[in-house]
Amino acid sequence: MIAIAAALALAASTPSDADLGARIRNAAAGSQALQGPLDGAWTLYDARHRSLYVFQITDPADGTGALEAAWRGPGASAATGLVTAITRQGNDLSIDFAGGAMGETVSVRLQRRDDGEWSGRLTAKGRESATVLRRRR
């Protein structure tokens, strides 16, 4: 009888699945409130919609902290590295990093669009091409 009473007491103190789900959602919302609009994973695509680079960006919510980012190529065994410079001024975003096998400098200059994506130009190996930066889902 004591074991049954202890089990009932434990069950009463354990949150239900609905309570646990609500707690998880609230924690995620609280965490998101501490992040700026660029925080998270983004993919840079070329004009043919092929992924070129994947970025993980840290964006403090208060808008006063510096953006930080890392990059990787789109493949499973692709190169990775840190972004050497990332800045946002209003609707303009600049990303510079040493990418590719030869470590050449890659520069990306983007403007924010009304749909939340960023479009602009990538310059690498002396060539310029159209690009779009989209949040990864």
Protein backbone atom coordinates (compact mmCIF):
# COMPACT_ATOMS: atom_id res chain seq x y z
CA MET A 1 0.00 0.00 0.00
CA ILE A 2 2.86 2.38 0.83
CA ALA A 3 4.47 1.68 -2.58
CA ILE A 4 1.19 2.54 -4.36
CA ALA A 5 0.86 5.77 -2.37
CA ALA A 6 4.46 6.72 -3.22
CA ALA A 7 3.87 5.98 -6.94
CA LEU A 8 0.70 8.09 -6.93
CA ALA A 9 2.52 10.96 -5.22
CA LEU A 10 5.34 10.75 -7.78
CA ALA A 11 2.89 10.66 -10.68
CA ALA A 12 1.10 13.71 -9.31
CA SER A 13 4.37 15.68 -9.16
CA THR A 14 5.55 14.63 -12.64
CA PRO A 15 4.43 17.05 -15.36
CA SER A 16 2.06 15.70 -17.99
CA ASP A 17 3.13 15.53 -21.63
CA ALA A 18 1.08 18.68 -22.30
CA ASP A 19 2.80 20.53 -19.41
CA LEU A 20 6.22 19.37 -20.59
CA GLY A 21 5.47 20.46 -24.16
CA ALA A 22 4.38 23.89 -22.93
CA ARG A 23 7.54 24.23 -20.85
CA ILE A 24 9.72 23.33 -23.84
CA ARG A 25 7.90 25.83 -26.07
CA ASN A 26 8.25 28.57 -23.44
CA ALA A 27 11.96 27.85 -23.03
CA ALA A 28 12.50 27.98 -26.80
CA ALA A 29 10.58 31.27 -27.06
CA GLY A 30 12.65 32.73 -24.21
CA SER A 31 15.86 31.65 -25.91
CA GLN A 32 14.73 33.12 -29.24
CA ALA A 33 14.01 36.44 -27.53
CA LEU A 34 17.73 36.65 -26.72
CA GLN A 35 18.69 36.31 -30.39
CA GLY A 36 18.72 38.78 -33.24
CA PRO A 37 17.07 38.27 -36.63
CA LEU A 38 20.15 36.78 -38.32
CA ASP A 39 20.81 34.25 -35.56
CA GLY A 40 20.79 30.69 -36.85
CA ALA A 41 21.66 28.68 -39.95
CA TRP A 42 21.57 30.19 -43.45
CA THR A 43 22.41 28.87 -46.93
CA LEU A 44 23.91 30.96 -49.74
CA TYR A 45 22.61 29.94 -53.18
CA ASP A 46 23.77 30.85 -56.68
CA ALA A 47 21.49 32.02 -59.51
CA ARG A 48 20.74 28.37 -60.43
CA HIS A 49 19.55 27.66 -56.85
CA ARG A 50 22.60 25.51 -56.04
CA SER A 51 23.86 25.79 -52.48
CA LEU A 52 27.31 27.34 -52.25
CA TYR A 53 27.93 27.83 -48.53
CA VAL A 54 26.13 27.23 -45.25
CA PHE A 55 26.58 29.83 -42.50
CA GLN A 56 25.91 29.58 -38.78
CA ILE A 57 25.44 33.14 -37.53
CA THR A 58 25.32 34.43 -33.97
CA ASP A 59 23.33 37.67 -33.70
CA PRO A 60 22.81 39.21 -30.25
CA ALA A 61 19.23 40.45 -29.75
CA ASP A 62 20.15 43.84 -28.36
CA GLY A 63 21.70 44.88 -31.66
CA THR A 64 24.81 46.20 -29.96
CA GLY A 65 26.91 43.05 -30.02
CA ALA A 66 29.01 42.04 -33.01
CA LEU A 67 27.79 39.41 -35.43
CA GLU A 68 29.90 36.23 -35.54
CA ALA A 69 29.75 33.40 -38.05
CA ALA A 70 31.26 30.19 -39.30
CA TRP A 71 30.87 28.64 -42.75
CA ARG A 72 31.01 25.26 -44.42
CA GLY A 73 30.58 23.97 -47.92
CA PRO A 74 27.30 22.26 -48.82
CA GLY A 75 28.63 18.67 -48.88
CA ALA A 76 29.01 16.30 -45.95
CA SER A 77 32.82 16.34 -46.16
CA ALA A 78 33.11 19.96 -47.33
CA ALA A 79 35.61 22.51 -46.07
CA THR A 80 34.76 24.64 -43.04
CA GLY A 81 36.06 27.82 -41.48
CA LEU A 82 35.39 30.98 -39.57
CA VAL A 83 34.06 34.13 -41.19
CA THR A 84 36.75 36.80 -40.94
CA ALA A 85 34.30 39.72 -41.13
CA ILE A 86 30.51 39.98 -40.97
CA THR A 87 28.72 43.29 -40.61
CA ARG A 88 25.15 44.49 -40.92
CA GLN A 89 24.30 48.14 -41.47
CA GLY A 90 20.58 48.63 -41.85
CA ASN A 91 19.50 46.46 -44.79
CA ASP A 92 23.06 45.74 -45.97
CA LEU A 93 25.01 42.64 -44.97
CA SER A 94 28.69 41.97 -45.74
CA ILE A 95 30.41 38.62 -45.22
CA ASP A 96 34.11 37.95 -45.90
CA PHE A 97 35.93 34.66 -45.39
CA ALA A 98 38.73 32.49 -46.75
CA GLY A 99 36.92 29.71 -48.58
CA GLY A 100 37.68 26.85 -50.88
CA ALA A 101 40.67 24.56 -51.17
CA MET A 102 43.11 27.37 -51.98
CA GLY A 103 41.89 29.63 -49.18
CA GLU A 104 40.93 32.43 -51.56
CA THR A 105 39.00 35.36 -50.13
CA VAL A 106 35.28 35.23 -50.72
CA SER A 107 33.24 38.43 -50.33
CA VAL A 108 29.46 38.51 -50.18
CA ARG A 109 27.49 41.77 -50.33
CA LEU A 110 23.75 41.45 -49.75
CA GLN A 111 20.66 43.59 -49.29
CA ARG A 112 17.63 42.51 -47.24
CA ARG A 113 14.48 41.87 -49.24
CA ASP A 114 10.89 42.31 -48.08
CA ASP A 115 10.47 38.51 -47.81
CA GLY A 116 13.29 38.25 -45.22
CA GLU A 117 15.84 36.79 -47.61
CA TRP A 118 19.01 38.58 -48.65
CA SER A 119 20.15 38.99 -52.27
CA GLY A 120 23.29 40.39 -53.80
CA ARG A 121 26.70 39.44 -55.17
CA LEU A 122 29.44 36.98 -54.29
CA THR A 123 32.98 37.77 -55.41
CA ALA A 124 35.56 34.97 -55.52
CA LYS A 125 38.63 34.38 -57.70
CA GLY A 126 38.04 37.75 -59.35
CA ARG A 127 34.56 36.74 -60.53
CA GLU A 128 31.24 38.12 -59.41
CA SER A 129 27.96 36.22 -59.36
CA ALA A 130 24.39 36.70 -58.15
CA THR A 131 23.48 35.08 -54.83
CA VAL A 132 20.61 34.70 -52.38
CA LEU A 133 20.93 33.98 -48.65
CA ARG A 134 18.03 32.00 -47.16
CA ARG A 135 17.36 30.78 -43.64
CA ARG A 136 17.71 26.99 -43.34
CA ARG A 137 14.58 25.18 -42.28
